[in-house]
Amino acid sequence: MKEYTMDGVWDDGGGLNVGYVGVGLSEAAIEGVVAGNRDYNAFTHTVEAESEADAYQALGEELDADCVWDCRGGGRRRMHTMHEDEGVA
């Protein structure tokens, strides 16, 4: 296992679960997104995983996120989505 520290932005404006909109973003990108929307907040979280792909999954599971996106390099790839049967009591 390896530790992965993931920086990004999350949107807490409307659901029971947090929807992360990006990880691994540059500091300038994080500041820009947070400044442009009052529901967005910056985060840093460390997870243990076997690979970077597993780290996105672990991040989503640990933080009960609806989804996790990799938004590095100007792109946007969904790396984790909560299963429909999760998060529902």
PDB file of N, CA and C in Angstrom:
ATOM      1  N   MET A   1       0.848  -1.193   0.000  1.00  0.00           N
ATOM      2  CA  MET A   1       0.000   0.000   0.000  1.00  0.00           C
ATOM      3  C   MET A   1       0.885   1.244   0.000  1.00  0.00           C
ATOM      4  N   LYS A   2       0.384   2.255  -0.646  1.00  0.00           N
ATOM      5  CA  LYS A   2       1.075   3.530  -0.736  1.00  0.00           C
ATOM      6  C   LYS A   2       0.105   4.630  -0.328  1.00  0.00           C
ATOM      7  N   GLU A   3       0.634   5.707   0.247  1.00  0.00           N
ATOM      8  CA  GLU A   3      -0.220   6.851   0.589  1.00  0.00           C
ATOM      9  C   GLU A   3      -0.320   7.798  -0.591  1.00  0.00           C
ATOM     10  N   TYR A   4      -1.529   8.252  -0.862  1.00  0.00           N
ATOM     11  CA  TYR A   4      -1.795   9.243  -1.905  1.00  0.00           C
ATOM     12  C   TYR A   4      -2.469  10.436  -1.249  1.00  0.00           C
ATOM     13  N   THR A   5      -1.846  11.610  -1.372  1.00  0.00           N
ATOM     14  CA  THR A   5      -2.456  12.837  -0.871  1.00  0.00           C
ATOM     15  C   THR A   5      -3.105  13.526  -2.055  1.00  0.00           C
ATOM     16  N   MET A   6      -4.410  13.754  -1.945  1.00  0.00           N
ATOM     17  CA  MET A   6      -5.190  14.262  -3.058  1.00  0.00           C
ATOM     18  C   MET A   6      -5.765  15.633  -2.712  1.00  0.00           C
ATOM     19  N   ASP A   7      -5.476  16.600  -3.556  1.00  0.00           N
ATOM     20  CA  ASP A   7      -5.982  17.962  -3.403  1.00  0.00           C
ATOM     21  C   ASP A   7      -7.041  18.201  -4.462  1.00  0.00           C
ATOM     22  N   GLY A   8      -8.082  18.916  -4.095  1.00  0.00           N
ATOM     23  CA  GLY A   8      -9.113  19.208  -5.083  1.00  0.00           C
ATOM     24  C   GLY A   8     -10.206  20.092  -4.540  1.00  0.00           C
ATOM     25  N   VAL A   9     -11.355  20.002  -5.172  1.00  0.00           N
ATOM     26  CA  VAL A   9     -12.496  20.853  -4.857  1.00  0.00           C
ATOM     27  C   VAL A   9     -13.735  19.972  -4.759  1.00  0.00           C
ATOM     28  N   TRP A  10     -14.581  20.262  -3.772  1.00  0.00           N
ATOM     29  CA  TRP A  10     -15.843  19.532  -3.663  1.00  0.00           C
ATOM     30  C   TRP A  10     -17.014  20.491  -3.589  1.00  0.00           C
ATOM     31  N   ASP A  11     -18.163  19.978  -4.021  1.00  0.00           N
ATOM     32  CA  ASP A  11     -19.406  20.753  -4.071  1.00  0.00           C
ATOM     33  C   ASP A  11     -20.343  20.190  -3.007  1.00  0.00           C
ATOM     34  N   ASP A  12     -20.670  21.012  -2.010  1.00  0.00           N
ATOM     35  CA  ASP A  12     -21.549  20.543  -0.930  1.00  0.00           C
ATOM     36  C   ASP A  12     -22.920  21.188  -1.008  1.00  0.00           C
ATOM     37  N   GLY A  13     -23.311  21.633  -2.194  1.00  0.00           N
ATOM     38  CA  GLY A  13     -24.512  22.444  -2.272  1.00  0.00           C
ATOM     39  C   GLY A  13     -25.771  21.748  -2.699  1.00  0.00           C
ATOM     40  N   GLY A  14     -26.172  20.651  -2.113  1.00  0.00           N
ATOM     41  CA  GLY A  14     -27.489  20.220  -2.505  1.00  0.00           C
ATOM     42  C   GLY A  14     -27.836  18.777  -2.246  1.00  0.00           C
ATOM     43  N   GLY A  15     -26.947  17.981  -1.735  1.00  0.00           N
ATOM     44  CA  GLY A  15     -27.322  16.594  -1.520  1.00  0.00           C
ATOM     45  C   GLY A  15     -26.852  16.104  -0.174  1.00  0.00           C
ATOM     46  N   LEU A  16     -27.280  14.909   0.151  1.00  0.00           N
ATOM     47  CA  LEU A  16     -26.827  14.301   1.388  1.00  0.00           C
ATOM     48  C   LEU A  16     -25.386  13.862   1.272  1.00  0.00           C
ATOM     49  N   ASN A  17     -24.978  13.525   0.061  1.00  0.00           N
ATOM     50  CA  ASN A  17     -23.625  13.066  -0.177  1.00  0.00           C
ATOM     51  C   ASN A  17     -22.820  14.148  -0.882  1.00  0.00           C
ATOM     52  N   VAL A  18     -21.558  14.147  -0.627  1.00  0.00           N
ATOM     53  CA  VAL A  18     -20.676  15.141  -1.226  1.00  0.00           C
ATOM     54  C   VAL A  18     -20.298  14.701  -2.627  1.00  0.00           C
ATOM     55  N   GLY A  19     -20.380  15.598  -3.573  1.00  0.00           N
ATOM     56  CA  GLY A  19     -19.955  15.307  -4.936  1.00  0.00           C
ATOM     57  C   GLY A  19     -18.644  15.998  -5.223  1.00  0.00           C
ATOM     58  N   TYR A  20     -17.573  15.228  -5.313  1.00  0.00           N
ATOM     59  CA  TYR A  20     -16.272  15.827  -5.588  1.00  0.00           C
ATOM     60  C   TYR A  20     -16.144  16.080  -7.072  1.00  0.00           C
ATOM     61  N   VAL A  21     -15.716  17.288  -7.417  1.00  0.00           N
ATOM     62  CA  VAL A  21     -15.634  17.645  -8.821  1.00  0.00           C
ATOM     63  C   VAL A  21     -14.208  17.607  -9.350  1.00  0.00           C
ATOM     64  N   GLY A  22     -13.239  17.314  -8.520  1.00  0.00           N
ATOM     65  CA  GLY A  22     -11.892  17.191  -9.043  1.00  0.00           C
ATOM     66  C   GLY A  22     -10.876  16.902  -7.969  1.00  0.00           C
ATOM     67  N   VAL A  23      -9.817  16.219  -8.343  1.00  0.00           N
ATOM     68  CA  VAL A  23      -8.688  16.011  -7.447  1.00  0.00           C
ATOM     69  C   VAL A  23      -7.419  16.245  -8.252  1.00  0.00           C
ATOM     70  N   GLY A  24      -6.344  16.531  -7.553  1.00  0.00           N
ATOM     71  CA  GLY A  24      -5.085  16.756  -8.239  1.00  0.00           C
ATOM     72  C   GLY A  24      -5.058  18.058  -9.023  1.00  0.00           C
ATOM     73  N   LEU A  25      -5.861  19.022  -8.622  1.00  0.00           N
ATOM     74  CA  LEU A  25      -5.921  20.299  -9.315  1.00  0.00           C
ATOM     75  C   LEU A  25      -4.783  21.214  -8.857  1.00  0.00           C
ATOM     76  N   SER A  26      -4.389  22.126  -9.725  1.00  0.00           N
ATOM     77  CA  SER A  26      -3.369  23.102  -9.345  1.00  0.00           C
ATOM     78  C   SER A  26      -3.961  24.072  -8.325  1.00  0.00           C
ATOM     79  N   GLU A  27      -3.092  24.720  -7.569  1.00  0.00           N
ATOM     80  CA  GLU A  27      -3.552  25.680  -6.560  1.00  0.00           C
ATOM     81  C   GLU A  27      -4.361  26.802  -7.202  1.00  0.00           C
ATOM     82  N   ALA A  28      -3.910  27.279  -8.364  1.00  0.00           N
ATOM     83  CA  ALA A  28      -4.625  28.353  -9.061  1.00  0.00           C
ATOM     84  C   ALA A  28      -6.015  27.890  -9.499  1.00  0.00           C
ATOM     85  N   ALA A  29      -6.115  26.653  -9.981  1.00  0.00           N
ATOM     86  CA  ALA A  29      -7.419  26.134 -10.409  1.00  0.00           C
ATOM     87  C   ALA A  29      -8.353  26.005  -9.219  1.00  0.00           C
ATOM     88  N   ILE A  30      -7.846  25.511  -8.105  1.00  0.00           N
ATOM     89  CA  ILE A  30      -8.667  25.362  -6.902  1.00  0.00           C
ATOM     90  C   ILE A  30      -9.182  26.718  -6.439  1.00  0.00           C
ATOM     91  N   GLU A  31      -8.288  27.709  -6.372  1.00  0.00           N
ATOM     92  CA  GLU A  31      -8.702  29.047  -5.937  1.00  0.00           C
ATOM     93  C   GLU A  31      -9.758  29.623  -6.871  1.00  0.00           C
ATOM     94  N   GLY A  32      -9.610  29.407  -8.172  1.00  0.00           N
ATOM     95  CA  GLY A  32     -10.560  29.933  -9.136  1.00  0.00           C
ATOM     96  C   GLY A  32     -11.936  29.299  -9.000  1.00  0.00           C
ATOM     97  N   VAL A  33     -11.973  27.984  -8.808  1.00  0.00           N
ATOM     98  CA  VAL A  33     -13.252  27.297  -8.671  1.00  0.00           C
ATOM     99  C   VAL A  33     -13.950  27.702  -7.378  1.00  0.00           C
ATOM    100  N   VAL A  34     -13.202  27.754  -6.285  1.00  0.00           N
ATOM    101  CA  VAL A  34     -13.782  28.118  -4.993  1.00  0.00           C
ATOM    102  C   VAL A  34     -14.302  29.550  -5.024  1.00  0.00           C
ATOM    103  N   ALA A  35     -13.546  30.457  -5.637  1.00  0.00           N
ATOM    104  CA  ALA A  35     -13.959  31.859  -5.704  1.00  0.00           C
ATOM    105  C   ALA A  35     -15.210  32.035  -6.555  1.00  0.00           C
ATOM    106  N   GLY A  36     -15.423  31.148  -7.531  1.00  0.00           N
ATOM    107  CA  GLY A  36     -16.539  31.306  -8.451  1.00  0.00           C
ATOM    108  C   GLY A  36     -17.843  30.688  -8.000  1.00  0.00           C
ATOM    109  N   ASN A  37     -17.852  29.943  -6.898  1.00  0.00           N
ATOM    110  CA  ASN A  37     -19.079  29.282  -6.478  1.00  0.00           C
ATOM    111  C   ASN A  37     -19.067  29.114  -4.973  1.00  0.00           C
ATOM    112  N   ARG A  38     -20.054  29.645  -4.293  1.00  0.00           N
ATOM    113  CA  ARG A  38     -20.069  29.627  -2.833  1.00  0.00           C
ATOM    114  C   ARG A  38     -20.242  28.235  -2.238  1.00  0.00           C
ATOM    115  N   ASP A  39     -20.704  27.253  -3.036  1.00  0.00           N
ATOM    116  CA  ASP A  39     -20.887  25.891  -2.532  1.00  0.00           C
ATOM    117  C   ASP A  39     -19.629  25.039  -2.675  1.00  0.00           C
ATOM    118  N   TYR A  40     -18.585  25.569  -3.299  1.00  0.00           N
ATOM    119  CA  TYR A  40     -17.378  24.784  -3.526  1.00  0.00           C
ATOM    120  C   TYR A  40     -16.346  25.075  -2.448  1.00  0.00           C
ATOM    121  N   ASN A  41     -15.656  24.031  -2.023  1.00  0.00           N
ATOM    122  CA  ASN A  41     -14.625  24.147  -1.001  1.00  0.00           C
ATOM    123  C   ASN A  41     -13.407  23.337  -1.406  1.00  0.00           C
ATOM    124  N   ALA A  42     -12.242  23.803  -0.994  1.00  0.00           N
ATOM    125  CA  ALA A  42     -11.004  23.069  -1.260  1.00  0.00           C
ATOM    126  C   ALA A  42     -10.836  21.966  -0.221  1.00  0.00           C
ATOM    127  N   PHE A  43     -10.148  20.897  -0.612  1.00  0.00           N
ATOM    128  CA  PHE A  43      -9.867  19.820   0.324  1.00  0.00           C
ATOM    129  C   PHE A  43      -8.504  19.209   0.054  1.00  0.00           C
ATOM    130  N   THR A  44      -7.938  18.609   1.070  1.00  0.00           N
ATOM    131  CA  THR A  44      -6.765  17.750   0.957  1.00  0.00           C
ATOM    132  C   THR A  44      -7.062  16.520   1.786  1.00  0.00           C
ATOM    133  N   HIS A  45      -6.886  15.355   1.192  1.00  0.00           N
ATOM    134  CA  HIS A  45      -7.189  14.113   1.907  1.00  0.00           C
ATOM    135  C   HIS A  45      -6.161  13.064   1.509  1.00  0.00           C
ATOM    136  N   THR A  46      -5.722  12.287   2.467  1.00  0.00           N
ATOM    137  CA  THR A  46      -4.747  11.231   2.207  1.00  0.00           C
ATOM    138  C   THR A  46      -5.423   9.875   2.350  1.00  0.00           C
ATOM    139  N   VAL A  47      -5.184   9.008   1.371  1.00  0.00           N
ATOM    140  CA  VAL A  47      -5.724   7.649   1.391  1.00  0.00           C
ATOM    141  C   VAL A  47      -4.586   6.667   1.153  1.00  0.00           C
ATOM    142  N   GLU A  48      -4.803   5.427   1.562  1.00  0.00           N
ATOM    143  CA  GLU A  48      -3.867   4.357   1.259  1.00  0.00           C
ATOM    144  C   GLU A  48      -4.480   3.486   0.180  1.00  0.00           C
ATOM    145  N   ALA A  49      -3.697   3.196  -0.859  1.00  0.00           N
ATOM    146  CA  ALA A  49      -4.205   2.397  -1.967  1.00  0.00           C
ATOM    147  C   ALA A  49      -3.045   1.729  -2.693  1.00  0.00           C
ATOM    148  N   GLU A  50      -3.383   0.743  -3.517  1.00  0.00           N
ATOM    149  CA  GLU A  50      -2.377   0.014  -4.298  1.00  0.00           C
ATOM    150  C   GLU A  50      -1.935   0.811  -5.525  1.00  0.00           C
ATOM    151  N   SER A  51      -2.831   1.632  -6.079  1.00  0.00           N
ATOM    152  CA  SER A  51      -2.534   2.388  -7.297  1.00  0.00           C
ATOM    153  C   SER A  51      -3.276   3.719  -7.259  1.00  0.00           C
ATOM    154  N   GLU A  52      -2.950   4.595  -8.215  1.00  0.00           N
ATOM    155  CA  GLU A  52      -3.646   5.884  -8.281  1.00  0.00           C
ATOM    156  C   GLU A  52      -5.134   5.686  -8.557  1.00  0.00           C
ATOM    157  N   ALA A  53      -5.469   4.754  -9.449  1.00  0.00           N
ATOM    158  CA  ALA A  53      -6.886   4.493  -9.736  1.00  0.00           C
ATOM    159  C   ALA A  53      -7.607   4.027  -8.481  1.00  0.00           C
ATOM    160  N   ASP A  54      -6.965   3.155  -7.709  1.00  0.00           N
ATOM    161  CA  ASP A  54      -7.569   2.696  -6.453  1.00  0.00           C
ATOM    162  C   ASP A  54      -7.695   3.835  -5.443  1.00  0.00           C
ATOM    163  N   ALA A  55      -6.790   4.821  -5.523  1.00  0.00           N
ATOM    164  CA  ALA A  55      -6.838   5.955  -4.602  1.00  0.00           C
ATOM    165  C   ALA A  55      -8.105   6.785  -4.820  1.00  0.00           C
ATOM    166  N   TYR A  56      -8.527   6.953  -6.070  1.00  0.00           N
ATOM    167  CA  TYR A  56      -9.769   7.678  -6.350  1.00  0.00           C
ATOM    168  C   TYR A  56     -10.958   6.934  -5.754  1.00  0.00           C
ATOM    169  N   GLN A  57     -10.959   5.621  -5.911  1.00  0.00           N
ATOM    170  CA  GLN A  57     -12.028   4.794  -5.346  1.00  0.00           C
ATOM    171  C   GLN A  57     -12.042   4.924  -3.825  1.00  0.00           C
ATOM    172  N   ALA A  58     -10.857   4.840  -3.212  1.00  0.00           N
ATOM    173  CA  ALA A  58     -10.762   4.943  -1.753  1.00  0.00           C
ATOM    174  C   ALA A  58     -11.218   6.314  -1.270  1.00  0.00           C
ATOM    175  N   LEU A  59     -10.849   7.367  -1.999  1.00  0.00           N
ATOM    176  CA  LEU A  59     -11.264   8.720  -1.637  1.00  0.00           C
ATOM    177  C   LEU A  59     -12.788   8.812  -1.642  1.00  0.00           C
ATOM    178  N   GLY A  60     -13.405   8.327  -2.700  1.00  0.00           N
ATOM    179  CA  GLY A  60     -14.860   8.373  -2.791  1.00  0.00           C
ATOM    180  C   GLY A  60     -15.537   7.602  -1.677  1.00  0.00           C
ATOM    181  N   GLU A  61     -14.999   6.430  -1.357  1.00  0.00           N
ATOM    182  CA  GLU A  61     -15.605   5.611  -0.313  1.00  0.00           C
ATOM    183  C   GLU A  61     -15.408   6.221   1.070  1.00  0.00           C
ATOM    184  N   GLU A  62     -14.195   6.708   1.358  1.00  0.00           N
ATOM    185  CA  GLU A  62     -13.928   7.286   2.679  1.00  0.00           C
ATOM    186  C   GLU A  62     -14.750   8.536   2.938  1.00  0.00           C
ATOM    187  N   LEU A  63     -14.992   9.329   1.888  1.00  0.00           N
ATOM    188  CA  LEU A  63     -15.681  10.602   2.065  1.00  0.00           C
ATOM    189  C   LEU A  63     -17.147  10.541   1.639  1.00  0.00           C
ATOM    190  N   ASP A  64     -17.644   9.347   1.334  1.00  0.00           N
ATOM    191  CA  ASP A  64     -19.045   9.165   0.965  1.00  0.00           C
ATOM    192  C   ASP A  64     -19.439  10.078  -0.193  1.00  0.00           C
ATOM    193  N   ALA A  65     -18.573  10.133  -1.197  1.00  0.00           N
ATOM    194  CA  ALA A  65     -18.790  11.033  -2.331  1.00  0.00           C
ATOM    195  C   ALA A  65     -19.680  10.395  -3.383  1.00  0.00           C
ATOM    196  N   ASP A  66     -20.564  11.187  -3.962  1.00  0.00           N
ATOM    197  CA  ASP A  66     -21.366  10.716  -5.083  1.00  0.00           C
ATOM    198  C   ASP A  66     -20.464  10.312  -6.240  1.00  0.00           C
ATOM    199  N   CYS A  67     -19.453  11.137  -6.510  1.00  0.00           N
ATOM    200  CA  CYS A  67     -18.522  10.844  -7.588  1.00  0.00           C
ATOM    201  C   CYS A  67     -17.209  11.577  -7.346  1.00  0.00           C
ATOM    202  N   VAL A  68     -16.170  11.095  -8.002  1.00  0.00           N
ATOM    203  CA  VAL A  68     -14.855  11.725  -7.941  1.00  0.00           C
ATOM    204  C   VAL A  68     -14.360  11.872  -9.374  1.00  0.00           C
ATOM    205  N   TRP A  69     -13.917  13.063  -9.697  1.00  0.00           N
ATOM    206  CA  TRP A  69     -13.421  13.356 -11.046  1.00  0.00           C
ATOM    207  C   TRP A  69     -11.940  13.686 -10.991  1.00  0.00           C
ATOM    208  N   ASP A  70     -11.210  13.248 -11.992  1.00  0.00           N
ATOM    209  CA  ASP A  70      -9.813  13.650 -12.187  1.00  0.00           C
ATOM    210  C   ASP A  70      -9.833  14.794 -13.189  1.00  0.00           C
ATOM    211  N   CYS A  71      -9.515  15.994 -12.709  1.00  0.00           N
ATOM    212  CA  CYS A  71      -9.612  17.187 -13.562  1.00  0.00           C
ATOM    213  C   CYS A  71      -8.247  17.783 -13.874  1.00  0.00           C
ATOM    214  N   ARG A  72      -7.222  16.979 -13.805  1.00  0.00           N
ATOM    215  CA  ARG A  72      -5.892  17.492 -14.125  1.00  0.00           C
ATOM    216  C   ARG A  72      -5.731  17.696 -15.628  1.00  0.00           C
ATOM    217  N   GLY A  73      -4.861  18.623 -15.977  1.00  0.00           N
ATOM    218  CA  GLY A  73      -4.525  18.832 -17.376  1.00  0.00           C
ATOM    219  C   GLY A  73      -5.656  19.365 -18.228  1.00  0.00           C
ATOM    220  N   GLY A  74      -6.637  19.996 -17.608  1.00  0.00           N
ATOM    221  CA  GLY A  74      -7.732  20.588 -18.365  1.00  0.00           C
ATOM    222  C   GLY A  74      -8.787  19.586 -18.798  1.00  0.00           C
ATOM    223  N   GLY A  75      -8.577  18.311 -18.496  1.00  0.00           N
ATOM    224  CA  GLY A  75      -9.570  17.293 -18.845  1.00  0.00           C
ATOM    225  C   GLY A  75     -10.479  17.005 -17.664  1.00  0.00           C
ATOM    226  N   ARG A  76     -11.377  16.045 -17.852  1.00  0.00           N
ATOM    227  CA  ARG A  76     -12.296  15.670 -16.774  1.00  0.00           C
ATOM    228  C   ARG A  76     -12.715  14.222 -16.998  1.00  0.00           C
ATOM    229  N   ARG A  77     -12.226  13.333 -16.123  1.00  0.00           N
ATOM    230  CA  ARG A  77     -12.569  11.909 -16.220  1.00  0.00           C
ATOM    231  C   ARG A  77     -13.187  11.467 -14.908  1.00  0.00           C
ATOM    232  N   ARG A  78     -14.331  10.784 -14.997  1.00  0.00           N
ATOM    233  CA  ARG A  78     -14.973  10.262 -13.785  1.00  0.00           C
ATOM    234  C   ARG A  78     -14.181   9.038 -13.338  1.00  0.00           C
ATOM    235  N   MET A  79     -13.705   9.071 -12.080  1.00  0.00           N
ATOM    236  CA  MET A  79     -12.869   7.995 -11.563  1.00  0.00           C
ATOM    237  C   MET A  79     -13.604   7.133 -10.542  1.00  0.00           C
ATOM    238  N   HIS A  80     -14.698   7.629  -9.988  1.00  0.00           N
ATOM    239  CA  HIS A  80     -15.469   6.878  -9.000  1.00  0.00           C
ATOM    240  C   HIS A  80     -16.909   7.373  -9.021  1.00  0.00           C
ATOM    241  N   THR A  81     -17.834   6.451  -8.951  1.00  0.00           N
ATOM    242  CA  THR A  81     -19.248   6.792  -8.804  1.00  0.00           C
ATOM    243  C   THR A  81     -19.829   5.890  -7.730  1.00  0.00           C
ATOM    244  N   MET A  82     -20.559   6.482  -6.802  1.00  0.00           N
ATOM    245  CA  MET A  82     -21.199   5.689  -5.757  1.00  0.00           C
ATOM    246  C   MET A  82     -22.221   4.759  -6.402  1.00  0.00           C
ATOM    247  N   HIS A  83     -22.251   3.515  -5.966  1.00  0.00           N
ATOM    248  CA  HIS A  83     -23.243   2.572  -6.469  1.00  0.00           C
ATOM    249  C   HIS A  83     -24.631   3.005  -5.988  1.00  0.00           C
ATOM    250  N   GLU A  84     -25.634   2.698  -6.752  1.00  0.00           N
ATOM    251  CA  GLU A  84     -27.001   3.132  -6.435  1.00  0.00           C
ATOM    252  C   GLU A  84     -27.468   2.654  -5.072  1.00  0.00           C
ATOM    253  N   ASP A  85     -27.016   1.479  -4.638  1.00  0.00           N
ATOM    254  CA  ASP A  85     -27.471   0.948  -3.372  1.00  0.00           C
ATOM    255  C   ASP A  85     -26.675   1.464  -2.184  1.00  0.00           C
ATOM    256  N   GLU A  86     -25.624   2.264  -2.439  1.00  0.00           N
ATOM    257  CA  GLU A  86     -24.839   2.844  -1.351  1.00  0.00           C
ATOM    258  C   GLU A  86     -25.449   4.177  -0.936  1.00  0.00           C
ATOM    259  N   GLY A  87     -25.225   4.563   0.284  1.00  0.00           N
ATOM    260  CA  GLY A  87     -25.614   5.884   0.753  1.00  0.00           C
ATOM    261  C   GLY A  87     -27.099   6.066   0.962  1.00  0.00           C
ATOM    262  N   VAL A  88     -27.871   5.008   0.849  1.00  0.00           N
ATOM    263  CA  VAL A  88     -29.306   5.108   1.052  1.00  0.00           C
ATOM    264  C   VAL A  88     -29.666   4.297   2.289  1.00  0.00           C
ATOM    265  N   ALA A  89     -30.228   4.966   3.263  1.00  0.00           N
ATOM    266  CA  ALA A  89     -30.566   4.273   4.518  1.00  0.00           C
ATOM    267  C   ALA A  89     -31.933   3.638   4.412  1.00  0.00           C
TER     268      ALA A  89
END
